[in-house]
Amino acid sequence: MIVRDPSVLNTVLKGLREWTPFDGRRALDDMAHAFDASAPDALLTAQLRGHLRRLAAIATSDQMFDLDEDTMRLVEAARELADGQMPADDDRFVGRLRRMAYVGSELLDRLAELRHLREPIPVDEVAACTFSPRFHASWSTPPAPPWPPPR
């Protein structure tokens, strides 16, 4: 299919420019903070909503795989929690925040089991993937250079 409409192409291009890979470590950190929360936190709520939406989208993005009933329940719960209103009462707010974290962590674990998620290589590890002594830090002695040949 060839798309020639400039507005469609601009929309796709904008989406590609704004896309970032899912950061499972950050999501787990935010979920851990939610379990420790004792007062309403608007920033943490927004972050958890983003994680839940992203996880639900990842779970349902691949039409090739049928999700089991438990996973679909988690996806529906994630969408409901991400789109729902937060209670005005502080205790109920914190309770809902913790429920968001629980559902997110369960869905994250389930997607990892189903291999719908793949953790990207951290940037600092990518920088180390060169033929440098740092890359070969596990060697007891550095390898001998191939040139010049021994005499």
C-alpha atoms as a PDB file:
ATOM      1  CA  MET A   1       0.000   0.000   0.000  1.00  0.00           C
ATOM      2  CA  ILE A   2       1.459   3.333  -1.044  1.00  0.00           C
ATOM      3  CA  VAL A   3       0.394   6.369   0.964  1.00  0.00           C
ATOM      4  CA  ARG A   4       0.648   9.676  -0.849  1.00  0.00           C
ATOM      5  CA  ASP A   5      -1.293  11.899   1.523  1.00  0.00           C
ATOM      6  CA  PRO A   6       1.251  14.272   3.151  1.00  0.00           C
ATOM      7  CA  SER A   7      -0.804  14.638   6.345  1.00  0.00           C
ATOM      8  CA  VAL A   8      -0.795  10.859   6.896  1.00  0.00           C
ATOM      9  CA  LEU A   9       2.933  10.691   6.240  1.00  0.00           C
ATOM     10  CA  ASN A  10       3.569  13.613   8.626  1.00  0.00           C
ATOM     11  CA  THR A  11       1.500  11.891  11.326  1.00  0.00           C
ATOM     12  CA  VAL A  12       3.478   8.666  10.912  1.00  0.00           C
ATOM     13  CA  LEU A  13       6.778  10.541  10.871  1.00  0.00           C
ATOM     14  CA  LYS A  14       5.839  12.476  14.014  1.00  0.00           C
ATOM     15  CA  GLY A  15       4.933   9.206  15.742  1.00  0.00           C
ATOM     16  CA  LEU A  16       8.251   7.650  14.791  1.00  0.00           C
ATOM     17  CA  ARG A  17      10.190  10.675  16.036  1.00  0.00           C
ATOM     18  CA  GLU A  18       8.383  10.697  19.391  1.00  0.00           C
ATOM     19  CA  TRP A  19       8.570   6.933  19.935  1.00  0.00           C
ATOM     20  CA  THR A  20      10.726   5.622  22.731  1.00  0.00           C
ATOM     21  CA  PRO A  21      11.273   1.976  23.651  1.00  0.00           C
ATOM     22  CA  PHE A  22       9.449   0.654  26.682  1.00  0.00           C
ATOM     23  CA  ASP A  23      11.665   0.874  29.755  1.00  0.00           C
ATOM     24  CA  GLY A  24      10.736  -2.061  31.970  1.00  0.00           C
ATOM     25  CA  ARG A  25      13.236  -1.099  34.665  1.00  0.00           C
ATOM     26  CA  ARG A  26      11.751   2.364  35.016  1.00  0.00           C
ATOM     27  CA  ALA A  27       8.238   0.918  35.096  1.00  0.00           C
ATOM     28  CA  LEU A  28       9.219  -1.477  37.889  1.00  0.00           C
ATOM     29  CA  ASP A  29      10.868   1.377  39.817  1.00  0.00           C
ATOM     30  CA  ASP A  30       7.695   3.463  39.533  1.00  0.00           C
ATOM     31  CA  MET A  31       5.583   0.512  40.637  1.00  0.00           C
ATOM     32  CA  ALA A  32       7.846  -0.023  43.655  1.00  0.00           C
ATOM     33  CA  HIS A  33       7.433   3.657  44.577  1.00  0.00           C
ATOM     34  CA  ALA A  34       3.653   3.252  44.338  1.00  0.00           C
ATOM     35  CA  PHE A  35       3.734   0.361  46.819  1.00  0.00           C
ATOM     36  CA  ASP A  36       5.711   2.586  49.204  1.00  0.00           C
ATOM     37  CA  ALA A  37       3.464   5.632  48.698  1.00  0.00           C
ATOM     38  CA  SER A  38       1.650   6.978  51.740  1.00  0.00           C
ATOM     39  CA  ALA A  39       0.176  10.126  50.174  1.00  0.00           C
ATOM     40  CA  PRO A  40      -1.332  10.990  46.788  1.00  0.00           C
ATOM     41  CA  ASP A  41       1.282  11.701  44.138  1.00  0.00           C
ATOM     42  CA  ALA A  42       0.095  13.231  40.850  1.00  0.00           C
ATOM     43  CA  LEU A  43       3.391  12.689  39.000  1.00  0.00           C
ATOM     44  CA  LEU A  44       3.592   9.022  39.995  1.00  0.00           C
ATOM     45  CA  THR A  45      -0.047   8.572  38.982  1.00  0.00           C
ATOM     46  CA  ALA A  46       0.655   9.980  35.520  1.00  0.00           C
ATOM     47  CA  GLN A  47       3.710   7.759  35.121  1.00  0.00           C
ATOM     48  CA  LEU A  48       1.794   4.633  36.169  1.00  0.00           C
ATOM     49  CA  ARG A  49      -1.026   5.484  33.788  1.00  0.00           C
ATOM     50  CA  GLY A  50       1.496   5.761  30.980  1.00  0.00           C
ATOM     51  CA  HIS A  51       3.061   2.408  31.874  1.00  0.00           C
ATOM     52  CA  LEU A  52      -0.343   0.701  32.039  1.00  0.00           C
ATOM     53  CA  ARG A  53      -1.410   2.112  28.670  1.00  0.00           C
ATOM     54  CA  ARG A  54       1.878   1.103  27.093  1.00  0.00           C
ATOM     55  CA  LEU A  55       1.727  -2.429  28.502  1.00  0.00           C
ATOM     56  CA  ALA A  56      -1.874  -2.860  27.310  1.00  0.00           C
ATOM     57  CA  ALA A  57      -0.884  -1.648  23.852  1.00  0.00           C
ATOM     58  CA  ILE A  58       2.092  -4.022  23.731  1.00  0.00           C
ATOM     59  CA  ALA A  59      -0.091  -6.939  24.800  1.00  0.00           C
ATOM     60  CA  THR A  60      -2.682  -6.333  22.099  1.00  0.00           C
ATOM     61  CA  SER A  61      -0.424  -5.082  19.309  1.00  0.00           C
ATOM     62  CA  ASP A  62       0.530  -8.473  17.907  1.00  0.00           C
ATOM     63  CA  GLN A  63      -2.526  -9.986  16.245  1.00  0.00           C
ATOM     64  CA  MET A  64      -0.562 -13.152  15.499  1.00  0.00           C
ATOM     65  CA  PHE A  65      -0.791 -14.361  19.091  1.00  0.00           C
ATOM     66  CA  ASP A  66      -4.029 -15.011  20.923  1.00  0.00           C
ATOM     67  CA  LEU A  67      -3.805 -13.950  24.539  1.00  0.00           C
ATOM     68  CA  ASP A  68      -5.089 -16.263  27.216  1.00  0.00           C
ATOM     69  CA  GLU A  69      -7.985 -15.334  29.483  1.00  0.00           C
ATOM     70  CA  ASP A  70      -5.798 -14.284  32.424  1.00  0.00           C
ATOM     71  CA  THR A  71      -3.705 -11.956  30.272  1.00  0.00           C
ATOM     72  CA  MET A  72      -6.813 -10.392  28.735  1.00  0.00           C
ATOM     73  CA  ARG A  73      -8.199  -9.755  32.237  1.00  0.00           C
ATOM     74  CA  LEU A  74      -4.955  -7.992  33.141  1.00  0.00           C
ATOM     75  CA  VAL A  75      -5.093  -5.920  29.948  1.00  0.00           C
ATOM     76  CA  GLU A  76      -8.688  -4.876  30.660  1.00  0.00           C
ATOM     77  CA  ALA A  77      -7.824  -4.028  34.272  1.00  0.00           C
ATOM     78  CA  ALA A  78      -4.804  -1.995  33.110  1.00  0.00           C
ATOM     79  CA  ARG A  79      -6.933  -0.009  30.669  1.00  0.00           C
ATOM     80  CA  GLU A  80      -9.647   0.569  33.259  1.00  0.00           C
ATOM     81  CA  LEU A  81      -7.159   1.774  35.861  1.00  0.00           C
ATOM     82  CA  ALA A  82      -5.249   3.960  33.395  1.00  0.00           C
ATOM     83  CA  ASP A  83      -8.405   5.701  32.167  1.00  0.00           C
ATOM     84  CA  GLY A  84     -10.320   5.865  35.457  1.00  0.00           C
ATOM     85  CA  GLN A  85     -10.678   8.791  37.819  1.00  0.00           C
ATOM     86  CA  MET A  86      -8.599   8.841  40.963  1.00  0.00           C
ATOM     87  CA  PRO A  87     -10.597   9.073  44.202  1.00  0.00           C
ATOM     88  CA  ALA A  88     -10.594  12.340  46.159  1.00  0.00           C
ATOM     89  CA  ASP A  89     -10.019  10.573  49.486  1.00  0.00           C
ATOM     90  CA  ASP A  90      -6.293  10.190  50.241  1.00  0.00           C
ATOM     91  CA  ASP A  91      -6.522   6.603  51.496  1.00  0.00           C
ATOM     92  CA  ARG A  92      -8.559   5.472  48.484  1.00  0.00           C
ATOM     93  CA  PHE A  93      -6.180   7.361  46.178  1.00  0.00           C
ATOM     94  CA  VAL A  94      -3.172   5.518  47.601  1.00  0.00           C
ATOM     95  CA  GLY A  95      -5.091   2.225  47.427  1.00  0.00           C
ATOM     96  CA  ARG A  96      -5.864   2.772  43.757  1.00  0.00           C
ATOM     97  CA  LEU A  97      -2.243   3.784  43.111  1.00  0.00           C
ATOM     98  CA  ARG A  98      -1.111   0.493  44.634  1.00  0.00           C
ATOM     99  CA  ARG A  99      -3.672  -1.438  42.591  1.00  0.00           C
ATOM    100  CA  MET A 100      -2.311   0.235  39.450  1.00  0.00           C
ATOM    101  CA  ALA A 101       1.189  -0.867  40.450  1.00  0.00           C
ATOM    102  CA  TYR A 102       0.050  -4.429  41.175  1.00  0.00           C
ATOM    103  CA  VAL A 103      -1.782  -4.833  37.856  1.00  0.00           C
ATOM    104  CA  GLY A 104       1.135  -3.257  35.992  1.00  0.00           C
ATOM    105  CA  SER A 105       3.669  -5.544  37.609  1.00  0.00           C
ATOM    106  CA  GLU A 106       1.534  -8.643  36.937  1.00  0.00           C
ATOM    107  CA  LEU A 107       1.009  -7.634  33.304  1.00  0.00           C
ATOM    108  CA  LEU A 108       4.709  -6.883  32.885  1.00  0.00           C
ATOM    109  CA  ASP A 109       5.596 -10.325  34.269  1.00  0.00           C
ATOM    110  CA  ARG A 110       3.005 -12.012  32.056  1.00  0.00           C
ATOM    111  CA  LEU A 111       4.227 -10.264  28.901  1.00  0.00           C
ATOM    112  CA  ALA A 112       7.799 -11.209  29.746  1.00  0.00           C
ATOM    113  CA  GLU A 113       6.710 -14.862  30.127  1.00  0.00           C
ATOM    114  CA  LEU A 114       4.944 -14.719  26.768  1.00  0.00           C
ATOM    115  CA  ARG A 115       8.037 -13.043  25.244  1.00  0.00           C
ATOM    116  CA  HIS A 116       6.080  -9.974  24.149  1.00  0.00           C
ATOM    117  CA  LEU A 117       8.757  -7.814  25.779  1.00  0.00           C
ATOM    118  CA  ARG A 118      12.445  -7.689  25.144  1.00  0.00           C
ATOM    119  CA  GLU A 119      14.614  -5.547  27.362  1.00  0.00           C
ATOM    120  CA  PRO A 120      16.738  -3.158  25.302  1.00  0.00           C
ATOM    121  CA  ILE A 121      20.455  -3.045  25.925  1.00  0.00           C
ATOM    122  CA  PRO A 122      21.253  -0.089  28.200  1.00  0.00           C
ATOM    123  CA  VAL A 123      23.162   2.733  26.533  1.00  0.00           C
ATOM    124  CA  ASP A 124      26.224   2.312  28.732  1.00  0.00           C
ATOM    125  CA  GLU A 125      26.443  -1.367  27.750  1.00  0.00           C
ATOM    126  CA  VAL A 126      26.133  -0.488  24.070  1.00  0.00           C
ATOM    127  CA  ALA A 127      29.039   1.949  24.409  1.00  0.00           C
ATOM    128  CA  ALA A 128      31.117  -0.849  25.929  1.00  0.00           C
ATOM    129  CA  CYS A 129      30.482  -3.195  22.987  1.00  0.00           C
ATOM    130  CA  THR A 130      33.661  -2.385  21.113  1.00  0.00           C
ATOM    131  CA  PHE A 131      36.992  -4.084  20.860  1.00  0.00           C
ATOM    132  CA  SER A 132      38.472  -2.304  23.812  1.00  0.00           C
ATOM    133  CA  PRO A 133      39.977  -3.575  27.055  1.00  0.00           C
ATOM    134  CA  ARG A 134      36.774  -2.503  28.813  1.00  0.00           C
ATOM    135  CA  PHE A 135      34.765  -4.863  26.626  1.00  0.00           C
ATOM    136  CA  HIS A 136      37.135  -7.701  27.442  1.00  0.00           C
ATOM    137  CA  ALA A 137      37.205  -6.973  31.172  1.00  0.00           C
ATOM    138  CA  SER A 138      36.388 -10.601  31.973  1.00  0.00           C
ATOM    139  CA  TRP A 139      39.679 -11.783  30.464  1.00  0.00           C
ATOM    140  CA  SER A 140      42.452 -12.334  32.961  1.00  0.00           C
ATOM    141  CA  THR A 141      45.018 -10.819  30.600  1.00  0.00           C
ATOM    142  CA  PRO A 142      44.340  -8.712  27.539  1.00  0.00           C
ATOM    143  CA  PRO A 143      44.671 -10.564  24.237  1.00  0.00           C
ATOM    144  CA  ALA A 144      47.882 -10.133  22.317  1.00  0.00           C
ATOM    145  CA  PRO A 145      47.566  -7.840  19.315  1.00  0.00           C
ATOM    146  CA  PRO A 146      47.525  -9.733  16.005  1.00  0.00           C
ATOM    147  CA  TRP A 147      50.140  -7.452  14.475  1.00  0.00           C
ATOM    148  CA  PRO A 148      53.140  -7.271  14.320  1.00  0.00           C
ATOM    149  CA  PRO A 149      53.830 -10.989  14.086  1.00  0.00           C
ATOM    150  CA  PRO A 150      56.200 -12.440  16.682  1.00  0.00           C
ATOM    151  CA  ARG A 151      59.890 -12.690  15.692  1.00  0.00           C
END
